[in-house]
N, C-alpha and C. Protein backbone atom coordinates (compact mmCIF):
# COMPACT_ATOMS: atom_id res chain seq x y z
N UNK A 1 -13.80 -10.42 10.68
CA UNK A 1 -12.60 -9.72 10.11
C UNK A 1 -13.05 -8.27 9.62
N UNK A 2 -12.13 -7.47 9.66
CA UNK A 2 -12.35 -6.02 9.39
C UNK A 2 -12.38 -5.88 7.86
N UNK A 3 -13.31 -5.00 7.36
CA UNK A 3 -13.36 -4.74 5.98
C UNK A 3 -12.66 -3.52 5.67
N UNK A 4 -11.75 -3.47 4.67
CA UNK A 4 -10.97 -2.30 4.26
C UNK A 4 -11.43 -1.67 2.98
N UNK A 5 -11.32 -0.42 2.84
CA UNK A 5 -11.48 0.20 1.56
C UNK A 5 -10.13 0.35 0.90
N UNK A 6 -9.89 -0.54 -0.08
CA UNK A 6 -8.63 -0.64 -0.71
C UNK A 6 -8.57 0.38 -1.91
N UNK A 7 -7.41 1.11 -2.00
CA UNK A 7 -7.14 1.98 -3.07
C UNK A 7 -5.92 1.58 -3.85
N UNK A 8 -5.87 1.93 -5.18
CA UNK A 8 -4.70 1.82 -5.91
C UNK A 8 -4.34 2.96 -6.71
N UNK A 9 -3.11 3.07 -7.17
CA UNK A 9 -2.74 4.29 -7.97
C UNK A 9 -3.63 4.42 -9.23
N UNK A 10 -3.94 5.66 -9.58
CA UNK A 10 -4.72 5.84 -10.78
C UNK A 10 -4.15 5.23 -12.02
N UNK A 11 -2.84 5.16 -12.09
CA UNK A 11 -2.06 4.64 -13.18
C UNK A 11 -2.28 3.08 -13.31
N UNK A 12 -2.82 2.46 -12.26
CA UNK A 12 -3.13 1.04 -12.23
C UNK A 12 -4.56 0.67 -12.28
N UNK A 13 -5.33 1.58 -12.66
CA UNK A 13 -6.73 1.41 -12.71
C UNK A 13 -7.22 0.08 -13.25
N UNK A 14 -6.74 -0.40 -14.33
CA UNK A 14 -7.14 -1.67 -14.98
C UNK A 14 -6.09 -2.65 -15.07
N UNK A 15 -4.99 -2.44 -14.41
CA UNK A 15 -3.91 -3.40 -14.37
C UNK A 15 -4.04 -4.48 -13.38
N UNK A 16 -3.41 -5.60 -13.52
CA UNK A 16 -3.53 -6.73 -12.66
C UNK A 16 -2.46 -6.83 -11.53
N UNK A 17 -1.28 -6.19 -11.62
CA UNK A 17 -0.21 -6.16 -10.66
C UNK A 17 -0.04 -4.77 -10.15
N UNK A 18 -0.75 -4.47 -9.17
CA UNK A 18 -0.76 -3.14 -8.50
C UNK A 18 -0.66 -3.14 -6.96
N UNK A 19 0.04 -2.18 -6.48
CA UNK A 19 -0.09 -1.99 -5.01
C UNK A 19 -1.36 -1.52 -4.61
N UNK A 20 -1.88 -1.98 -3.43
CA UNK A 20 -3.20 -1.44 -2.94
C UNK A 20 -2.97 -1.08 -1.43
N UNK A 21 -3.57 0.00 -1.04
CA UNK A 21 -3.48 0.63 0.27
C UNK A 21 -4.78 0.82 0.92
N UNK A 22 -4.96 0.47 2.28
CA UNK A 22 -6.21 0.89 2.97
C UNK A 22 -5.63 1.58 4.24
N UNK A 23 -6.19 2.70 4.47
CA UNK A 23 -5.88 3.46 5.70
C UNK A 23 -6.89 3.35 6.74
N UNK A 24 -6.49 2.79 7.92
CA UNK A 24 -7.43 2.61 9.09
C UNK A 24 -7.13 3.68 10.14
N UNK A 25 -7.81 3.69 11.18
CA UNK A 25 -7.55 4.71 12.23
C UNK A 25 -6.19 4.67 12.83
N UNK A 26 -5.60 3.45 12.99
CA UNK A 26 -4.39 3.33 13.73
C UNK A 26 -3.22 2.59 12.90
N UNK A 27 -3.58 2.29 11.64
CA UNK A 27 -2.58 1.62 10.85
C UNK A 27 -2.93 1.75 9.43
N UNK A 28 -1.89 1.45 8.66
CA UNK A 28 -1.98 1.46 7.19
C UNK A 28 -1.68 0.08 6.64
N UNK A 29 -2.60 -0.47 5.76
CA UNK A 29 -2.39 -1.82 5.23
C UNK A 29 -2.03 -1.74 3.78
N UNK A 30 -1.10 -2.64 3.38
CA UNK A 30 -0.55 -2.59 2.07
C UNK A 30 -0.61 -4.06 1.56
N UNK A 31 -1.05 -4.22 0.29
CA UNK A 31 -0.95 -5.58 -0.36
C UNK A 31 -0.79 -5.41 -1.83
N UNK A 32 -0.50 -6.54 -2.49
CA UNK A 32 -0.46 -6.60 -3.88
C UNK A 32 -1.73 -7.08 -4.53
N UNK A 33 -2.20 -6.58 -5.61
CA UNK A 33 -3.41 -7.11 -6.14
C UNK A 33 -3.20 -8.53 -6.70
N UNK A 34 -1.92 -8.97 -6.85
CA UNK A 34 -1.71 -10.34 -7.29
C UNK A 34 -1.80 -11.28 -6.11
N UNK A 35 -1.59 -10.83 -4.82
CA UNK A 35 -1.66 -11.70 -3.67
C UNK A 35 -2.47 -10.92 -2.61
N UNK A 36 -3.79 -10.77 -2.79
CA UNK A 36 -4.56 -9.89 -1.88
C UNK A 36 -4.71 -10.47 -0.49
N UNK A 37 -4.28 -11.73 -0.19
CA UNK A 37 -4.25 -12.30 1.14
C UNK A 37 -3.09 -11.88 1.95
N UNK A 38 -2.03 -11.54 1.24
CA UNK A 38 -0.72 -11.12 1.85
C UNK A 38 -0.72 -9.67 2.21
N UNK A 39 -1.17 -9.37 3.47
CA UNK A 39 -1.37 -7.91 3.83
C UNK A 39 -0.29 -7.52 4.86
N UNK A 40 0.37 -6.40 4.55
CA UNK A 40 1.42 -5.95 5.53
C UNK A 40 0.74 -4.75 6.33
N UNK A 41 0.92 -4.81 7.57
CA UNK A 41 0.35 -3.72 8.42
C UNK A 41 1.54 -2.75 8.92
N UNK A 42 1.39 -1.45 8.65
CA UNK A 42 2.29 -0.47 9.06
C UNK A 42 1.72 0.53 10.02
N UNK A 43 2.59 1.10 10.87
CA UNK A 43 2.14 2.15 11.60
C UNK A 43 2.14 3.37 10.73
N UNK A 44 1.41 4.53 11.14
CA UNK A 44 1.49 5.72 10.42
C UNK A 44 2.90 6.14 10.13
N UNK A 45 3.78 6.11 11.20
CA UNK A 45 5.16 6.56 10.96
C UNK A 45 5.95 5.69 10.03
N UNK A 46 5.67 4.32 10.02
CA UNK A 46 6.25 3.47 9.09
C UNK A 46 5.90 3.84 7.66
N UNK A 47 4.46 4.06 7.54
CA UNK A 47 4.01 4.48 6.17
C UNK A 47 4.62 5.82 5.71
N UNK A 48 4.74 6.73 6.45
CA UNK A 48 5.32 8.03 6.11
C UNK A 48 6.77 7.82 5.66
N UNK A 49 7.50 6.94 6.45
CA UNK A 49 8.86 6.65 6.03
C UNK A 49 8.94 5.95 4.67
N UNK A 50 8.12 5.00 4.54
CA UNK A 50 8.07 4.25 3.16
C UNK A 50 7.78 5.22 2.07
N UNK A 51 6.77 5.96 2.25
CA UNK A 51 6.40 6.92 1.11
C UNK A 51 7.57 7.86 0.79
N UNK A 52 8.21 8.38 1.89
CA UNK A 52 9.32 9.31 1.76
C UNK A 52 10.51 8.60 1.00
N UNK A 53 10.75 7.38 1.32
CA UNK A 53 11.84 6.58 0.65
C UNK A 53 11.54 6.38 -0.73
N UNK A 54 10.22 6.02 -1.06
CA UNK A 54 9.81 5.78 -2.44
C UNK A 54 10.07 7.12 -3.29
N UNK A 55 9.51 8.19 -2.68
CA UNK A 55 9.65 9.52 -3.49
C UNK A 55 11.09 9.91 -3.63
N UNK A 56 12.07 9.54 -2.65
CA UNK A 56 13.41 9.88 -2.73
C UNK A 56 14.24 9.00 -3.73
N UNK A 57 13.52 7.94 -4.25
CA UNK A 57 14.17 7.05 -5.16
C UNK A 57 14.94 5.97 -4.58
N UNK A 58 14.77 5.61 -3.27
CA UNK A 58 15.60 4.73 -2.65
C UNK A 58 15.38 3.25 -3.15
N UNK A 59 14.23 3.01 -3.83
CA UNK A 59 13.94 1.63 -4.35
C UNK A 59 14.06 1.63 -5.82
N UNK A 60 14.78 2.58 -6.46
CA UNK A 60 14.85 2.51 -7.95
C UNK A 60 15.85 1.52 -8.29
N UNK A 61 15.72 0.91 -9.41
CA UNK A 61 16.65 -0.07 -9.89
C UNK A 61 17.86 0.48 -10.57
């Protein structure tokens, strides 16, 4: 199995429920620190679209 370098937002440095991201050569992997075995794999285009949507507030409550 491939080993990833997982990163989380600086604001989550010591928190338990944080998103984590690992960027590979052909894909971006996303998981929750609460469920580290549940990994979503995105293409670079899907990742860009997701980040753009988050920045635009499309997931705000």
